[in-house]
Amino acid sequence: MAAILATLGLSALVAVPAPQAVRAASLFQTAELNPANFAVVAAPIGNGERAQLNIYEQLNDRRACFAVNGSQPAVVEPLLATFDFTGICSRYLDANGYSLRIGDTDLAPGYRLSVVRFNDDNLLLAVPTRSGIGPEMVVARTNGPGTDYLKLVLEPGWQLKRRAYNGRNLGHVYLYRANWPGDEPAAMELKLEAEAPPLGAAEGPVPLEVRLGSDELINDPGFRGF
């Protein structure tokens, strides 16, 4: 964890792809869900010096399960704690209710999800439980300090998905991304092309087509060199 915090002190996390050995297909599948029905929360422990991950789900509109107010950070009011929410809300409080998944790989129990206070922010970190399984990753952040129930905003590439088995949705939520950080498909090759001067124009620099990522320069057929 010290390594990831040191990296974050510079800018954003640059993760090293996980070894191929951990990328086995999972027994479970994923199912889509409506993220608007969920709140990902840094919930205070004790006096608020520490926090843990809670996830709340609104099952129907019979009664509000949570309320979100403000921003950077947004404060979450866990309304479900004030009434019998059976059949109205679900909450996921520990590794029995949520886990990490990347692509087809179910990463429980190889990773734990921890909320860490760092530099006026609260980070949700995915931390490997043994060496060699994969990189430490920032999954979400509150975008501001605080010791209340705070909304965790997922980092780009991360989303919530539901665990499923043989087409049946289960009471378990994944913090999910399609690829390991650093494994995203390469961006399409960029090409910058200078506009050729009109015929009869004054002599000047010859327009070149430059392909990024290559030393190749493609010149006009009439080009005689530099």
C-alpha atoms as a PDB file:
ATOM      1  CA  MET A   1       0.000   0.000   0.000  1.00  0.00           C
ATOM      2  CA  ALA A   2       2.927   2.314   0.645  1.00  0.00           C
ATOM      3  CA  ALA A   3       3.907   1.970  -3.003  1.00  0.00           C
ATOM      4  CA  ILE A   4       0.516   3.078  -4.280  1.00  0.00           C
ATOM      5  CA  LEU A   5       0.381   6.066  -1.943  1.00  0.00           C
ATOM      6  CA  ALA A   6       3.852   7.136  -3.006  1.00  0.00           C
ATOM      7  CA  THR A   7       2.775   6.951  -6.632  1.00  0.00           C
ATOM      8  CA  LEU A   8      -0.386   8.934  -5.958  1.00  0.00           C
ATOM      9  CA  GLY A   9       1.721  11.634  -4.353  1.00  0.00           C
ATOM     10  CA  LEU A  10       3.150  12.288  -7.806  1.00  0.00           C
ATOM     11  CA  SER A  11      -0.011  12.172  -9.896  1.00  0.00           C
ATOM     12  CA  ALA A  12      -2.194   9.265 -10.957  1.00  0.00           C
ATOM     13  CA  LEU A  13      -1.585   5.574 -10.509  1.00  0.00           C
ATOM     14  CA  VAL A  14       0.338   3.857 -13.278  1.00  0.00           C
ATOM     15  CA  ALA A  15      -0.292   0.186 -12.635  1.00  0.00           C
ATOM     16  CA  VAL A  16       1.690  -2.812 -13.791  1.00  0.00           C
ATOM     17  CA  PRO A  17      -0.429  -5.473 -15.501  1.00  0.00           C
ATOM     18  CA  ALA A  18      -1.137  -8.544 -13.389  1.00  0.00           C
ATOM     19  CA  PRO A  19       0.524 -11.869 -14.192  1.00  0.00           C
ATOM     20  CA  GLN A  20      -1.254 -14.082 -16.669  1.00  0.00           C
ATOM     21  CA  ALA A  21      -1.518 -16.827 -14.056  1.00  0.00           C
ATOM     22  CA  VAL A  22      -4.384 -15.123 -12.223  1.00  0.00           C
ATOM     23  CA  ARG A  23      -6.491 -14.605 -15.327  1.00  0.00           C
ATOM     24  CA  ALA A  24      -8.506 -17.801 -15.161  1.00  0.00           C
ATOM     25  CA  ALA A  25     -12.198 -17.805 -16.028  1.00  0.00           C
ATOM     26  CA  SER A  26     -14.548 -17.462 -13.058  1.00  0.00           C
ATOM     27  CA  LEU A  27     -17.241 -19.868 -11.903  1.00  0.00           C
ATOM     28  CA  PHE A  28     -19.588 -16.868 -11.833  1.00  0.00           C
ATOM     29  CA  GLN A  29     -20.771 -14.502 -14.543  1.00  0.00           C
ATOM     30  CA  THR A  30     -21.635 -10.805 -14.477  1.00  0.00           C
ATOM     31  CA  ALA A  31     -25.005  -9.144 -14.996  1.00  0.00           C
ATOM     32  CA  GLU A  32     -25.827  -5.526 -15.743  1.00  0.00           C
ATOM     33  CA  LEU A  33     -27.464  -3.327 -13.113  1.00  0.00           C
ATOM     34  CA  ASN A  34     -28.763   0.230 -12.881  1.00  0.00           C
ATOM     35  CA  PRO A  35     -26.016   2.284 -11.191  1.00  0.00           C
ATOM     36  CA  ALA A  36     -28.562   4.981 -10.297  1.00  0.00           C
ATOM     37  CA  ASN A  37     -30.010   2.559  -7.734  1.00  0.00           C
ATOM     38  CA  PHE A  38     -26.699   2.224  -5.887  1.00  0.00           C
ATOM     39  CA  ALA A  39     -24.562   4.304  -3.564  1.00  0.00           C
ATOM     40  CA  VAL A  40     -20.900   3.373  -3.073  1.00  0.00           C
ATOM     41  CA  VAL A  41     -19.968   4.778   0.313  1.00  0.00           C
ATOM     42  CA  ALA A  42     -16.967   5.353   2.551  1.00  0.00           C
ATOM     43  CA  ALA A  43     -18.670   4.592   5.879  1.00  0.00           C
ATOM     44  CA  PRO A  44     -16.982   5.837   9.068  1.00  0.00           C
ATOM     45  CA  ILE A  45     -15.816   3.391  11.724  1.00  0.00           C
ATOM     46  CA  GLY A  46     -15.994   4.483  15.355  1.00  0.00           C
ATOM     47  CA  ASN A  47     -14.943   8.123  15.701  1.00  0.00           C
ATOM     48  CA  GLY A  48     -14.459   8.477  11.950  1.00  0.00           C
ATOM     49  CA  GLU A  49     -10.680   8.194  11.854  1.00  0.00           C
ATOM     50  CA  ARG A  50     -11.104   5.100   9.683  1.00  0.00           C
ATOM     51  CA  ALA A  51     -13.695   4.076   7.113  1.00  0.00           C
ATOM     52  CA  GLN A  52     -14.886   0.985   5.281  1.00  0.00           C
ATOM     53  CA  LEU A  53     -16.702   0.282   2.034  1.00  0.00           C
ATOM     54  CA  ASN A  54     -20.510   0.062   2.129  1.00  0.00           C
ATOM     55  CA  ILE A  55     -22.748  -0.336  -0.919  1.00  0.00           C
ATOM     56  CA  TYR A  56     -26.468   0.488  -0.682  1.00  0.00           C
ATOM     57  CA  GLU A  57     -29.080  -0.554  -3.242  1.00  0.00           C
ATOM     58  CA  GLN A  58     -32.577   0.824  -3.810  1.00  0.00           C
ATOM     59  CA  LEU A  59     -34.791  -2.149  -4.781  1.00  0.00           C
ATOM     60  CA  ASN A  60     -38.029  -0.222  -5.359  1.00  0.00           C
ATOM     61  CA  ASP A  61     -39.588   3.182  -4.713  1.00  0.00           C
ATOM     62  CA  ARG A  62     -41.590   2.303  -1.592  1.00  0.00           C
ATOM     63  CA  ARG A  63     -39.198   4.326   0.568  1.00  0.00           C
ATOM     64  CA  ALA A  64     -35.846   6.035  -0.006  1.00  0.00           C
ATOM     65  CA  CYS A  65     -32.867   3.942   1.097  1.00  0.00           C
ATOM     66  CA  PHE A  66     -30.312   6.755   0.995  1.00  0.00           C
ATOM     67  CA  ALA A  67     -29.949  10.439   0.174  1.00  0.00           C
ATOM     68  CA  VAL A  68     -26.935  12.152  -1.401  1.00  0.00           C
ATOM     69  CA  ASN A  69     -26.190  15.817  -0.741  1.00  0.00           C
ATOM     70  CA  GLY A  70     -23.449  18.187  -1.874  1.00  0.00           C
ATOM     71  CA  SER A  71     -20.303  17.378  -3.805  1.00  0.00           C
ATOM     72  CA  GLN A  72     -16.533  17.074  -3.439  1.00  0.00           C
ATOM     73  CA  PRO A  73     -17.226  15.237  -1.257  1.00  0.00           C
ATOM     74  CA  ALA A  74     -20.919  14.322  -1.418  1.00  0.00           C
ATOM     75  CA  VAL A  75     -22.425  13.236   1.902  1.00  0.00           C
ATOM     76  CA  VAL A  76     -24.608  10.109   1.902  1.00  0.00           C
ATOM     77  CA  GLU A  77     -27.403   9.767   4.447  1.00  0.00           C
ATOM     78  CA  PRO A  78     -28.011   6.025   5.069  1.00  0.00           C
ATOM     79  CA  LEU A  79     -31.785   6.267   5.498  1.00  0.00           C
ATOM     80  CA  LEU A  80     -32.147   2.480   5.447  1.00  0.00           C
ATOM     81  CA  ALA A  81     -30.653   2.404   8.942  1.00  0.00           C
ATOM     82  CA  THR A  82     -33.788   4.111  10.295  1.00  0.00           C
ATOM     83  CA  PHE A  83     -36.431   1.536   9.291  1.00  0.00           C
ATOM     84  CA  ASP A  84     -36.998  -2.124   8.452  1.00  0.00           C
ATOM     85  CA  PHE A  85     -35.759  -2.120   4.871  1.00  0.00           C
ATOM     86  CA  THR A  86     -36.627  -5.747   4.078  1.00  0.00           C
ATOM     87  CA  GLY A  87     -37.749  -5.929   0.455  1.00  0.00           C
ATOM     88  CA  ILE A  88     -37.012  -2.240  -0.076  1.00  0.00           C
ATOM     89  CA  CYS A  89     -33.223  -1.920   0.133  1.00  0.00           C
ATOM     90  CA  SER A  90     -30.140  -4.091   0.092  1.00  0.00           C
ATOM     91  CA  ARG A  91     -26.809  -3.287   1.658  1.00  0.00           C
ATOM     92  CA  TYR A  92     -23.421  -4.864   1.083  1.00  0.00           C
ATOM     93  CA  LEU A  93     -21.049  -4.340   3.989  1.00  0.00           C
ATOM     94  CA  ASP A  94     -18.130  -6.729   3.563  1.00  0.00           C
ATOM     95  CA  ALA A  95     -16.503  -9.323   1.317  1.00  0.00           C
ATOM     96  CA  ASN A  96     -19.635 -11.478   1.488  1.00  0.00           C
ATOM     97  CA  GLY A  97     -21.503  -8.777  -0.421  1.00  0.00           C
ATOM     98  CA  TYR A  98     -18.901  -7.319  -2.772  1.00  0.00           C
ATOM     99  CA  SER A  99     -15.612  -8.201  -4.416  1.00  0.00           C
ATOM    100  CA  LEU A 100     -13.259  -7.241  -7.227  1.00  0.00           C
ATOM    101  CA  ARG A 101     -13.506  -8.565 -10.769  1.00  0.00           C
ATOM    102  CA  ILE A 102     -11.563  -7.767 -13.934  1.00  0.00           C
ATOM    103  CA  GLY A 103     -12.900  -9.181 -17.177  1.00  0.00           C
ATOM    104  CA  ASP A 104     -13.599 -12.886 -16.687  1.00  0.00           C
ATOM    105  CA  THR A 105     -11.472 -13.092 -13.545  1.00  0.00           C
ATOM    106  CA  ASP A 106     -13.135 -13.142 -10.130  1.00  0.00           C
ATOM    107  CA  LEU A 107     -10.416 -11.795  -7.825  1.00  0.00           C
ATOM    108  CA  ALA A 108     -11.815 -12.722  -4.402  1.00  0.00           C
ATOM    109  CA  PRO A 109     -10.036 -13.562  -2.123  1.00  0.00           C
ATOM    110  CA  GLY A 110      -6.870 -12.458  -3.926  1.00  0.00           C
ATOM    111  CA  TYR A 111      -7.722  -8.789  -3.380  1.00  0.00           C
ATOM    112  CA  ARG A 112      -9.214  -6.821  -0.522  1.00  0.00           C
ATOM    113  CA  LEU A 113     -11.018  -3.505  -0.858  1.00  0.00           C
ATOM    114  CA  SER A 114      -9.897  -0.884   1.672  1.00  0.00           C
ATOM    115  CA  VAL A 115     -10.789   2.771   2.243  1.00  0.00           C
ATOM    116  CA  VAL A 116      -7.687   4.844   3.001  1.00  0.00           C
ATOM    117  CA  ARG A 117      -7.513   8.527   3.918  1.00  0.00           C
ATOM    118  CA  PHE A 118      -4.783  10.233   1.901  1.00  0.00           C
ATOM    119  CA  ASN A 119      -3.949  13.869   1.069  1.00  0.00           C
ATOM    120  CA  ASP A 120      -7.382  15.366   1.836  1.00  0.00           C
ATOM    121  CA  ASP A 121      -9.159  12.541   0.059  1.00  0.00           C
ATOM    122  CA  ASN A 122     -10.574   9.088   0.764  1.00  0.00           C
ATOM    123  CA  LEU A 123      -9.430   6.402  -1.650  1.00  0.00           C
ATOM    124  CA  LEU A 124     -10.987   3.010  -2.259  1.00  0.00           C
ATOM    125  CA  LEU A 125      -7.989   0.792  -2.937  1.00  0.00           C
ATOM    126  CA  ALA A 126      -7.859  -2.719  -4.360  1.00  0.00           C
ATOM    127  CA  VAL A 127      -4.938  -4.274  -2.503  1.00  0.00           C
ATOM    128  CA  PRO A 128      -3.519  -7.720  -3.390  1.00  0.00           C
ATOM    129  CA  THR A 129      -3.413 -10.138  -0.472  1.00  0.00           C
ATOM    130  CA  ARG A 130      -0.324 -11.931  -1.743  1.00  0.00           C
ATOM    131  CA  SER A 131       2.637 -11.012  -3.893  1.00  0.00           C
ATOM    132  CA  GLY A 132       2.569 -11.573  -7.634  1.00  0.00           C
ATOM    133  CA  ILE A 133      -1.192 -11.636  -8.068  1.00  0.00           C
ATOM    134  CA  GLY A 134      -1.438  -8.146  -9.562  1.00  0.00           C
ATOM    135  CA  PRO A 135      -1.021  -4.412  -8.974  1.00  0.00           C
ATOM    136  CA  GLU A 136      -2.529  -2.169  -6.328  1.00  0.00           C
ATOM    137  CA  MET A 137      -5.302  -0.086  -7.891  1.00  0.00           C
ATOM    138  CA  VAL A 138      -7.356   2.988  -7.062  1.00  0.00           C
ATOM    139  CA  VAL A 139     -11.003   2.041  -7.637  1.00  0.00           C
ATOM    140  CA  ALA A 140     -12.813   5.152  -6.364  1.00  0.00           C
ATOM    141  CA  ARG A 141     -12.376   8.347  -4.366  1.00  0.00           C
ATOM    142  CA  THR A 142     -14.529  10.846  -2.475  1.00  0.00           C
ATOM    143  CA  ASN A 143     -12.886  13.886  -4.119  1.00  0.00           C
ATOM    144  CA  GLY A 144     -12.526  15.662  -0.812  1.00  0.00           C
ATOM    145  CA  PRO A 145     -11.878  15.125   2.904  1.00  0.00           C
ATOM    146  CA  GLY A 146     -14.396  14.236   5.583  1.00  0.00           C
ATOM    147  CA  THR A 147     -15.328  11.745   8.276  1.00  0.00           C
ATOM    148  CA  ASP A 148     -19.043  11.392   7.496  1.00  0.00           C
ATOM    149  CA  TYR A 149     -20.710   8.858   5.194  1.00  0.00           C
ATOM    150  CA  LEU A 150     -19.187   9.983   1.893  1.00  0.00           C
ATOM    151  CA  LYS A 151     -19.981   9.018  -1.684  1.00  0.00           C
ATOM    152  CA  LEU A 152     -17.167   7.192  -3.459  1.00  0.00           C
ATOM    153  CA  VAL A 153     -16.919   8.167  -7.139  1.00  0.00           C
ATOM    154  CA  LEU A 154     -15.627   5.354  -9.333  1.00  0.00           C
ATOM    155  CA  GLU A 155     -12.462   6.026 -11.285  1.00  0.00           C
ATOM    156  CA  PRO A 156     -12.601   5.882 -15.120  1.00  0.00           C
ATOM    157  CA  GLY A 157     -12.880   2.295 -16.320  1.00  0.00           C
ATOM    158  CA  TRP A 158     -14.571   1.019 -13.146  1.00  0.00           C
ATOM    159  CA  GLN A 159     -18.258   0.179 -12.765  1.00  0.00           C
ATOM    160  CA  LEU A 160     -20.644  -1.899 -10.675  1.00  0.00           C
ATOM    161  CA  LYS A 161     -21.918  -5.243 -11.912  1.00  0.00           C
ATOM    162  CA  ARG A 162     -23.943  -7.976 -10.287  1.00  0.00           C
ATOM    163  CA  ARG A 163     -22.666 -11.496  -9.744  1.00  0.00           C
ATOM    164  CA  ALA A 164     -24.701 -14.150 -11.563  1.00  0.00           C
ATOM    165  CA  TYR A 165     -24.673 -17.931 -11.749  1.00  0.00           C
ATOM    166  CA  ASN A 166     -26.224 -19.820 -14.665  1.00  0.00           C
ATOM    167  CA  GLY A 167     -28.330 -16.797 -15.555  1.00  0.00           C
ATOM    168  CA  ARG A 168     -29.565 -16.160 -11.997  1.00  0.00           C
ATOM    169  CA  ASN A 169     -28.644 -12.885 -10.292  1.00  0.00           C
ATOM    170  CA  LEU A 170     -27.053 -13.247  -6.866  1.00  0.00           C
ATOM    171  CA  GLY A 171     -26.904 -10.941  -3.860  1.00  0.00           C
ATOM    172  CA  HIS A 172     -23.322  -9.918  -4.543  1.00  0.00           C
ATOM    173  CA  VAL A 173     -21.899  -6.866  -6.312  1.00  0.00           C
ATOM    174  CA  TYR A 174     -18.657  -6.602  -8.265  1.00  0.00           C
ATOM    175  CA  LEU A 175     -16.371  -3.592  -8.484  1.00  0.00           C
ATOM    176  CA  TYR A 176     -15.589  -4.334 -12.113  1.00  0.00           C
ATOM    177  CA  ARG A 177     -13.449  -3.225 -15.005  1.00  0.00           C
ATOM    178  CA  ALA A 178     -13.079  -4.868 -18.401  1.00  0.00           C
ATOM    179  CA  ASN A 179      -9.263  -4.837 -18.521  1.00  0.00           C
ATOM    180  CA  TRP A 180      -6.334  -4.668 -16.170  1.00  0.00           C
ATOM    181  CA  PRO A 181      -4.822  -1.176 -16.006  1.00  0.00           C
ATOM    182  CA  GLY A 182      -2.253  -1.017 -18.780  1.00  0.00           C
ATOM    183  CA  ASP A 183      -4.025  -3.702 -20.837  1.00  0.00           C
ATOM    184  CA  GLU A 184      -6.476  -1.405 -22.620  1.00  0.00           C
ATOM    185  CA  PRO A 185      -6.536  -1.900 -26.406  1.00  0.00           C
ATOM    186  CA  ALA A 186      -4.059   0.414 -28.118  1.00  0.00           C
ATOM    187  CA  ALA A 187      -5.576   3.609 -29.387  1.00  0.00           C
ATOM    188  CA  MET A 188      -6.019   3.891 -33.131  1.00  0.00           C
ATOM    189  CA  GLU A 189      -2.909   5.121 -34.879  1.00  0.00           C
ATOM    190  CA  LEU A 190      -2.984   8.873 -35.192  1.00  0.00           C
ATOM    191  CA  LYS A 191      -2.028  10.538 -38.438  1.00  0.00           C
ATOM    192  CA  LEU A 192      -1.190  14.198 -38.846  1.00  0.00           C
ATOM    193  CA  GLU A 193      -1.268  15.413 -42.379  1.00  0.00           C
ATOM    194  CA  ALA A 194      -0.134  18.853 -43.491  1.00  0.00           C
ATOM    195  CA  GLU A 195      -2.191  20.457 -46.226  1.00  0.00           C
ATOM    196  CA  ALA A 196      -0.310  20.642 -49.512  1.00  0.00           C
ATOM    197  CA  PRO A 197       0.202  24.156 -50.889  1.00  0.00           C
ATOM    198  CA  PRO A 198      -1.736  25.108 -54.035  1.00  0.00           C
ATOM    199  CA  LEU A 199      -0.029  24.820 -57.410  1.00  0.00           C
ATOM    200  CA  GLY A 200       2.118  27.817 -58.197  1.00  0.00           C
ATOM    201  CA  ALA A 201       2.513  28.780 -54.578  1.00  0.00           C
ATOM    202  CA  ALA A 202       5.792  30.232 -53.450  1.00  0.00           C
ATOM    203  CA  GLU A 203       8.482  27.756 -52.551  1.00  0.00           C
ATOM    204  CA  GLY A 204       8.569  26.811 -48.905  1.00  0.00           C
ATOM    205  CA  PRO A 205       8.792  23.827 -46.567  1.00  0.00           C
ATOM    206  CA  VAL A 206       7.591  20.605 -48.195  1.00  0.00           C
ATOM    207  CA  PRO A 207       4.515  19.167 -46.406  1.00  0.00           C
ATOM    208  CA  LEU A 208       5.160  15.838 -44.726  1.00  0.00           C
ATOM    209  CA  GLU A 209       2.800  13.180 -43.426  1.00  0.00           C
ATOM    210  CA  VAL A 210       3.897  11.992 -39.999  1.00  0.00           C
ATOM    211  CA  ARG A 211       2.668   8.766 -38.429  1.00  0.00           C
ATOM    212  CA  LEU A 212       2.921   8.937 -34.667  1.00  0.00           C
ATOM    213  CA  GLY A 213       4.840   6.063 -33.127  1.00  0.00           C
ATOM    214  CA  SER A 214       6.998   5.702 -36.246  1.00  0.00           C
ATOM    215  CA  ASP A 215      10.102   7.386 -37.605  1.00  0.00           C
ATOM    216  CA  GLU A 216       8.713   7.066 -41.130  1.00  0.00           C
ATOM    217  CA  LEU A 217       8.211  10.293 -43.036  1.00  0.00           C
ATOM    218  CA  ILE A 218       6.197  10.136 -46.239  1.00  0.00           C
ATOM    219  CA  ASN A 219       7.065  13.001 -48.536  1.00  0.00           C
ATOM    220  CA  ASP A 220       5.545  14.468 -51.646  1.00  0.00           C
ATOM    221  CA  PRO A 221       6.658  12.641 -54.860  1.00  0.00           C
ATOM    222  CA  GLY A 222       8.456  15.792 -55.961  1.00  0.00           C
ATOM    223  CA  PHE A 223      10.425  16.069 -52.755  1.00  0.00           C
ATOM    224  CA  ARG A 224      14.208  15.975 -53.405  1.00  0.00           C
ATOM    225  CA  GLY A 225      15.435  15.821 -49.854  1.00  0.00           C
ATOM    226  CA  PHE A 226      16.395  18.311 -47.189  1.00  0.00           C
END
